[in-house]
Amino acid sequence: MTPKEKADKLFFRFNAETVMQQPYEHETHIKKAKQSTIICIEEILKAREAGTTGVVFDKEYWEEVLEIANAL
């Protein structure tokens, strides 16, 4: 999955969750979805730096995903 595809997938996942909240205000929900996406990616990068998982993450990949998410 490309960094663009991953950023979009995370964004749409969080957007779908915020759409369920009422009352629905499009701009507010888009902003919340973007914030959630960025928090998620930043936590992945922090975990990688701290070495808190046994999984090796490609830092450059996630940095690019974060850059794309910030541009959404």
PDB file of N, CA and C in Angstrom:
ATOM      1  N   MET A   1       0.856  -1.172   0.000  1.00  0.00           N
ATOM      2  CA  MET A   1       0.000   0.000   0.000  1.00  0.00           C
ATOM      3  C   MET A   1       0.901   1.234   0.000  1.00  0.00           C
ATOM      4  N   THR A   2       0.616   2.172  -0.864  1.00  0.00           N
ATOM      5  CA  THR A   2       1.430   3.385  -0.938  1.00  0.00           C
ATOM      6  C   THR A   2       1.133   4.274   0.271  1.00  0.00           C
ATOM      7  N   PRO A   3       2.031   5.218   0.594  1.00  0.00           N
ATOM      8  CA  PRO A   3       1.755   6.142   1.687  1.00  0.00           C
ATOM      9  C   PRO A   3       0.448   6.931   1.466  1.00  0.00           C
ATOM     10  N   LYS A   4       0.170   7.310   0.224  1.00  0.00           N
ATOM     11  CA  LYS A   4      -1.071   8.038  -0.088  1.00  0.00           C
ATOM     12  C   LYS A   4      -2.292   7.173   0.204  1.00  0.00           C
ATOM     13  N   GLU A   5      -2.232   5.921  -0.225  1.00  0.00           N
ATOM     14  CA  GLU A   5      -3.352   5.003   0.023  1.00  0.00           C
ATOM     15  C   GLU A   5      -3.563   4.789   1.519  1.00  0.00           C
ATOM     16  N   LYS A   6      -2.466   4.658   2.282  1.00  0.00           N
ATOM     17  CA  LYS A   6      -2.563   4.446   3.726  1.00  0.00           C
ATOM     18  C   LYS A   6      -3.134   5.681   4.419  1.00  0.00           C
ATOM     19  N   ALA A   7      -2.674   6.871   4.034  1.00  0.00           N
ATOM     20  CA  ALA A   7      -3.206   8.102   4.631  1.00  0.00           C
ATOM     21  C   ALA A   7      -4.698   8.222   4.350  1.00  0.00           C
ATOM     22  N   ASP A   8      -5.088   7.952   3.127  1.00  0.00           N
ATOM     23  CA  ASP A   8      -6.510   8.013   2.763  1.00  0.00           C
ATOM     24  C   ASP A   8      -7.326   6.985   3.541  1.00  0.00           C
ATOM     25  N   LYS A   9      -6.792   5.772   3.662  1.00  0.00           N
ATOM     26  CA  LYS A   9      -7.511   4.708   4.367  1.00  0.00           C
ATOM     27  C   LYS A   9      -7.730   5.087   5.831  1.00  0.00           C
ATOM     28  N   LEU A  10      -6.691   5.586   6.483  1.00  0.00           N
ATOM     29  CA  LEU A  10      -6.835   6.002   7.879  1.00  0.00           C
ATOM     30  C   LEU A  10      -7.825   7.154   8.000  1.00  0.00           C
ATOM     31  N   PHE A  11      -7.694   8.131   7.112  1.00  0.00           N
ATOM     32  CA  PHE A  11      -8.585   9.284   7.156  1.00  0.00           C
ATOM     33  C   PHE A  11     -10.043   8.853   6.996  1.00  0.00           C
ATOM     34  N   PHE A  12     -10.322   8.036   5.998  1.00  0.00           N
ATOM     35  CA  PHE A  12     -11.709   7.622   5.757  1.00  0.00           C
ATOM     36  C   PHE A  12     -12.235   6.751   6.885  1.00  0.00           C
ATOM     37  N   ARG A  13     -11.363   5.979   7.507  1.00  0.00           N
ATOM     38  CA  ARG A  13     -11.804   5.177   8.653  1.00  0.00           C
ATOM     39  C   ARG A  13     -12.232   6.082   9.802  1.00  0.00           C
ATOM     40  N   PHE A  14     -11.411   7.066  10.122  1.00  0.00           N
ATOM     41  CA  PHE A  14     -11.771   7.984  11.198  1.00  0.00           C
ATOM     42  C   PHE A  14     -12.956   8.859  10.805  1.00  0.00           C
ATOM     43  N   ASN A  15     -13.043   9.222   9.544  1.00  0.00           N
ATOM     44  CA  ASN A  15     -14.167  10.028   9.083  1.00  0.00           C
ATOM     45  C   ASN A  15     -15.471   9.249   9.226  1.00  0.00           C
ATOM     46  N   ALA A  16     -15.457   7.979   8.905  1.00  0.00           N
ATOM     47  CA  ALA A  16     -16.660   7.155   9.033  1.00  0.00           C
ATOM     48  C   ALA A  16     -17.114   7.097  10.480  1.00  0.00           C
ATOM     49  N   GLU A  17     -16.175   7.048  11.405  1.00  0.00           N
ATOM     50  CA  GLU A  17     -16.532   7.007  12.821  1.00  0.00           C
ATOM     51  C   GLU A  17     -17.129   8.336  13.281  1.00  0.00           C
ATOM     52  N   THR A  18     -16.617   9.456  12.793  1.00  0.00           N
ATOM     53  CA  THR A  18     -17.141  10.734  13.236  1.00  0.00           C
ATOM     54  C   THR A  18     -18.479  11.064  12.588  1.00  0.00           C
ATOM     55  N   VAL A  19     -18.746  10.481  11.418  1.00  0.00           N
ATOM     56  CA  VAL A  19     -20.022  10.717  10.739  1.00  0.00           C
ATOM     57  C   VAL A  19     -21.177  10.187  11.584  1.00  0.00           C
ATOM     58  N   MET A  20     -20.914   9.159  12.364  1.00  0.00           N
ATOM     59  CA  MET A  20     -21.959   8.563  13.182  1.00  0.00           C
ATOM     60  C   MET A  20     -22.372   9.473  14.340  1.00  0.00           C
ATOM     61  N   GLN A  21     -21.548  10.449  14.661  1.00  0.00           N
ATOM     62  CA  GLN A  21     -21.862  11.357  15.759  1.00  0.00           C
ATOM     63  C   GLN A  21     -22.874  12.394  15.288  1.00  0.00           C
ATOM     64  N   GLN A  22     -23.729  12.809  16.169  1.00  0.00           N
ATOM     65  CA  GLN A  22     -24.757  13.807  15.836  1.00  0.00           C
ATOM     66  C   GLN A  22     -24.559  15.038  16.690  1.00  0.00           C
ATOM     67  N   PRO A  23     -24.868  16.217  16.289  1.00  0.00           N
ATOM     68  CA  PRO A  23     -25.320  16.543  14.942  1.00  0.00           C
ATOM     69  C   PRO A  23     -24.137  16.526  13.969  1.00  0.00           C
ATOM     70  N   TYR A  24     -24.427  16.251  12.724  1.00  0.00           N
ATOM     71  CA  TYR A  24     -23.384  16.163  11.711  1.00  0.00           C
ATOM     72  C   TYR A  24     -23.085  17.536  11.136  1.00  0.00           C
ATOM     73  N   GLU A  25     -21.842  17.948  11.246  1.00  0.00           N
ATOM     74  CA  GLU A  25     -21.349  19.184  10.632  1.00  0.00           C
ATOM     75  C   GLU A  25     -20.118  18.788   9.815  1.00  0.00           C
ATOM     76  N   HIS A  26     -20.248  18.837   8.513  1.00  0.00           N
ATOM     77  CA  HIS A  26     -19.227  18.313   7.602  1.00  0.00           C
ATOM     78  C   HIS A  26     -17.821  18.801   7.931  1.00  0.00           C
ATOM     79  N   GLU A  27     -17.623  20.089   7.999  1.00  0.00           N
ATOM     80  CA  GLU A  27     -16.273  20.625   8.226  1.00  0.00           C
ATOM     81  C   GLU A  27     -15.709  20.180   9.566  1.00  0.00           C
ATOM     82  N   THR A  28     -16.536  20.120  10.590  1.00  0.00           N
ATOM     83  CA  THR A  28     -16.095  19.676  11.910  1.00  0.00           C
ATOM     84  C   THR A  28     -15.662  18.213  11.866  1.00  0.00           C
ATOM     85  N   HIS A  29     -16.428  17.386  11.182  1.00  0.00           N
ATOM     86  CA  HIS A  29     -16.105  15.969  11.103  1.00  0.00           C
ATOM     87  C   HIS A  29     -14.847  15.720  10.280  1.00  0.00           C
ATOM     88  N   ILE A  30     -14.659  16.468   9.208  1.00  0.00           N
ATOM     89  CA  ILE A  30     -13.443  16.339   8.402  1.00  0.00           C
ATOM     90  C   ILE A  30     -12.230  16.713   9.249  1.00  0.00           C
ATOM     91  N   LYS A  31     -12.335  17.789  10.003  1.00  0.00           N
ATOM     92  CA  LYS A  31     -11.234  18.236  10.858  1.00  0.00           C
ATOM     93  C   LYS A  31     -10.911  17.186  11.923  1.00  0.00           C
ATOM     94  N   LYS A  32     -11.938  16.606  12.546  1.00  0.00           N
ATOM     95  CA  LYS A  32     -11.719  15.574  13.558  1.00  0.00           C
ATOM     96  C   LYS A  32     -11.087  14.330  12.958  1.00  0.00           C
ATOM     97  N   ALA A  33     -11.521  13.940  11.783  1.00  0.00           N
ATOM     98  CA  ALA A  33     -10.954  12.764  11.122  1.00  0.00           C
ATOM     99  C   ALA A  33      -9.481  12.987  10.799  1.00  0.00           C
ATOM    100  N   LYS A  34      -9.156  14.182  10.313  1.00  0.00           N
ATOM    101  CA  LYS A  34      -7.766  14.499   9.992  1.00  0.00           C
ATOM    102  C   LYS A  34      -6.915  14.487  11.261  1.00  0.00           C
ATOM    103  N   GLN A  35      -7.412  15.086  12.346  1.00  0.00           N
ATOM    104  CA  GLN A  35      -6.676  15.110  13.608  1.00  0.00           C
ATOM    105  C   GLN A  35      -6.444  13.690  14.123  1.00  0.00           C
ATOM    106  N   SER A  36      -7.454  12.841  14.034  1.00  0.00           N
ATOM    107  CA  SER A  36      -7.324  11.460  14.495  1.00  0.00           C
ATOM    108  C   SER A  36      -6.306  10.697  13.659  1.00  0.00           C
ATOM    109  N   THR A  37      -6.313  10.926  12.353  1.00  0.00           N
ATOM    110  CA  THR A  37      -5.360  10.279  11.459  1.00  0.00           C
ATOM    111  C   THR A  37      -3.938  10.672  11.824  1.00  0.00           C
ATOM    112  N   ILE A  38      -3.714  11.943  12.042  1.00  0.00           N
ATOM    113  CA  ILE A  38      -2.377  12.447  12.373  1.00  0.00           C
ATOM    114  C   ILE A  38      -1.925  11.906  13.727  1.00  0.00           C
ATOM    115  N   ILE A  39      -2.815  11.880  14.720  1.00  0.00           N
ATOM    116  CA  ILE A  39      -2.469  11.331  16.032  1.00  0.00           C
ATOM    117  C   ILE A  39      -2.057   9.867  15.904  1.00  0.00           C
ATOM    118  N   CYS A  40      -2.802   9.119  15.124  1.00  0.00           N
ATOM    119  CA  CYS A  40      -2.505   7.706  14.913  1.00  0.00           C
ATOM    120  C   CYS A  40      -1.105   7.522  14.324  1.00  0.00           C
ATOM    121  N   ILE A  41      -0.798   8.262  13.293  1.00  0.00           N
ATOM    122  CA  ILE A  41       0.503   8.136  12.623  1.00  0.00           C
ATOM    123  C   ILE A  41       1.628   8.578  13.559  1.00  0.00           C
ATOM    124  N   GLU A  42       1.414   9.672  14.295  1.00  0.00           N
ATOM    125  CA  GLU A  42       2.440  10.145  15.234  1.00  0.00           C
ATOM    126  C   GLU A  42       2.712   9.111  16.325  1.00  0.00           C
ATOM    127  N   GLU A  43       1.675   8.434  16.802  1.00  0.00           N
ATOM    128  CA  GLU A  43       1.862   7.390  17.814  1.00  0.00           C
ATOM    129  C   GLU A  43       2.657   6.214  17.258  1.00  0.00           C
ATOM    130  N   ILE A  44       2.426   5.867  16.013  1.00  0.00           N
ATOM    131  CA  ILE A  44       3.198   4.795  15.371  1.00  0.00           C
ATOM    132  C   ILE A  44       4.668   5.200  15.302  1.00  0.00           C
ATOM    133  N   LEU A  45       4.925   6.441  14.906  1.00  0.00           N
ATOM    134  CA  LEU A  45       6.310   6.915  14.812  1.00  0.00           C
ATOM    135  C   LEU A  45       6.965   6.964  16.194  1.00  0.00           C
ATOM    136  N   LYS A  46       6.238   7.391  17.220  1.00  0.00           N
ATOM    137  CA  LYS A  46       6.795   7.441  18.583  1.00  0.00           C
ATOM    138  C   LYS A  46       7.117   6.037  19.086  1.00  0.00           C
ATOM    139  N   ALA A  47       6.224   5.092  18.833  1.00  0.00           N
ATOM    140  CA  ALA A  47       6.452   3.709  19.264  1.00  0.00           C
ATOM    141  C   ALA A  47       7.691   3.147  18.589  1.00  0.00           C
ATOM    142  N   ARG A  48       7.866   3.490  17.327  1.00  0.00           N
ATOM    143  CA  ARG A  48       9.031   3.014  16.592  1.00  0.00           C
ATOM    144  C   ARG A  48      10.304   3.571  17.201  1.00  0.00           C
ATOM    145  N   GLU A  49      10.296   4.885  17.508  1.00  0.00           N
ATOM    146  CA  GLU A  49      11.487   5.517  18.072  1.00  0.00           C
ATOM    147  C   GLU A  49      11.807   4.951  19.455  1.00  0.00           C
ATOM    148  N   ALA A  50      10.772   4.681  20.239  1.00  0.00           N
ATOM    149  CA  ALA A  50      10.975   4.179  21.592  1.00  0.00           C
ATOM    150  C   ALA A  50      11.321   2.696  21.610  1.00  0.00           C
ATOM    151  N   GLY A  51      11.099   2.031  20.477  1.00  0.00           N
ATOM    152  CA  GLY A  51      11.374   0.610  20.396  1.00  0.00           C
ATOM    153  C   GLY A  51      10.458  -0.197  21.307  1.00  0.00           C
ATOM    154  N   THR A  52       9.223   0.270  21.454  1.00  0.00           N
ATOM    155  CA  THR A  52       8.289  -0.365  22.373  1.00  0.00           C
ATOM    156  C   THR A  52       7.567  -1.556  21.767  1.00  0.00           C
ATOM    157  N   THR A  53       7.837  -1.872  20.539  1.00  0.00           N
ATOM    158  CA  THR A  53       7.197  -3.027  19.919  1.00  0.00           C
ATOM    159  C   THR A  53       8.266  -3.910  19.306  1.00  0.00           C
ATOM    160  N   GLY A  54       7.913  -5.128  19.056  1.00  0.00           N
ATOM    161  CA  GLY A  54       8.834  -6.035  18.402  1.00  0.00           C
ATOM    162  C   GLY A  54       8.781  -5.930  16.897  1.00  0.00           C
ATOM    163  N   VAL A  55       7.891  -5.083  16.398  1.00  0.00           N
ATOM    164  CA  VAL A  55       7.695  -4.936  14.960  1.00  0.00           C
ATOM    165  C   VAL A  55       8.592  -3.813  14.449  1.00  0.00           C
ATOM    166  N   VAL A  56       9.217  -4.033  13.333  1.00  0.00           N
ATOM    167  CA  VAL A  56      10.050  -3.001  12.719  1.00  0.00           C
ATOM    168  C   VAL A  56       9.191  -2.214  11.736  1.00  0.00           C
ATOM    169  N   PHE A  57       9.144  -0.925  11.931  1.00  0.00           N
ATOM    170  CA  PHE A  57       8.362  -0.049  11.060  1.00  0.00           C
ATOM    171  C   PHE A  57       9.295   0.714  10.141  1.00  0.00           C
ATOM    172  N   ASP A  58       8.846   0.944   8.943  1.00  0.00           N
ATOM    173  CA  ASP A  58       9.604   1.737   7.987  1.00  0.00           C
ATOM    174  C   ASP A  58       9.322   3.206   8.288  1.00  0.00           C
ATOM    175  N   LYS A  59      10.270   3.864   8.940  1.00  0.00           N
ATOM    176  CA  LYS A  59      10.092   5.251   9.379  1.00  0.00           C
ATOM    177  C   LYS A  59       9.791   6.177   8.210  1.00  0.00           C
ATOM    178  N   GLU A  60      10.500   6.024   7.104  1.00  0.00           N
ATOM    179  CA  GLU A  60      10.293   6.906   5.958  1.00  0.00           C
ATOM    180  C   GLU A  60       8.867   6.759   5.406  1.00  0.00           C
ATOM    181  N   TYR A  61       8.382   5.521   5.384  1.00  0.00           N
ATOM    182  CA  TYR A  61       7.018   5.264   4.908  1.00  0.00           C
ATOM    183  C   TYR A  61       6.011   6.025   5.762  1.00  0.00           C
ATOM    184  N   TRP A  62       6.115   5.882   7.087  1.00  0.00           N
ATOM    185  CA  TRP A  62       5.150   6.529   7.980  1.00  0.00           C
ATOM    186  C   TRP A  62       5.313   8.051   7.999  1.00  0.00           C
ATOM    187  N   GLU A  63       6.523   8.540   7.815  1.00  0.00           N
ATOM    188  CA  GLU A  63       6.717   9.989   7.708  1.00  0.00           C
ATOM    189  C   GLU A  63       6.016  10.525   6.457  1.00  0.00           C
ATOM    190  N   GLU A  64       6.083   9.768   5.362  1.00  0.00           N
ATOM    191  CA  GLU A  64       5.408  10.183   4.149  1.00  0.00           C
ATOM    192  C   GLU A  64       3.897  10.114   4.309  1.00  0.00           C
ATOM    193  N   VAL A  65       3.401   9.063   4.999  1.00  0.00           N
ATOM    194  CA  VAL A  65       1.968   8.967   5.285  1.00  0.00           C
ATOM    195  C   VAL A  65       1.523  10.188   6.103  1.00  0.00           C
ATOM    196  N   LEU A  66       2.328  10.567   7.106  1.00  0.00           N
ATOM    197  CA  LEU A  66       2.007  11.729   7.937  1.00  0.00           C
ATOM    198  C   LEU A  66       1.973  13.007   7.109  1.00  0.00           C
ATOM    199  N   GLU A  67       2.928  13.176   6.228  1.00  0.00           N
ATOM    200  CA  GLU A  67       2.978  14.355   5.362  1.00  0.00           C
ATOM    201  C   GLU A  67       1.713  14.444   4.490  1.00  0.00           C
ATOM    202  N   ILE A  68       1.313  13.329   3.940  1.00  0.00           N
ATOM    203  CA  ILE A  68       0.103  13.291   3.102  1.00  0.00           C
ATOM    204  C   ILE A  68      -1.129  13.570   3.939  1.00  0.00           C
ATOM    205  N   ALA A  69      -1.200  12.977   5.137  1.00  0.00           N
ATOM    206  CA  ALA A  69      -2.346  13.199   6.021  1.00  0.00           C
ATOM    207  C   ALA A  69      -2.469  14.669   6.405  1.00  0.00           C
ATOM    208  N   ASN A  70      -1.339  15.314   6.645  1.00  0.00           N
ATOM    209  CA  ASN A  70      -1.361  16.740   6.983  1.00  0.00           C
ATOM    210  C   ASN A  70      -1.907  17.577   5.828  1.00  0.00           C
ATOM    211  N   ALA A  71      -1.726  17.095   4.608  1.00  0.00           N
ATOM    212  CA  ALA A  71      -2.172  17.841   3.433  1.00  0.00           C
ATOM    213  C   ALA A  71      -3.649  17.583   3.086  1.00  0.00           C
ATOM    214  N   LEU A  72      -4.277  16.613   3.738  1.00  0.00           N
ATOM    215  CA  LEU A  72      -5.676  16.305   3.426  1.00  0.00           C
ATOM    216  C   LEU A  72      -6.597  17.470   3.744  1.00  0.00           C
TER     217      LEU A  72
END
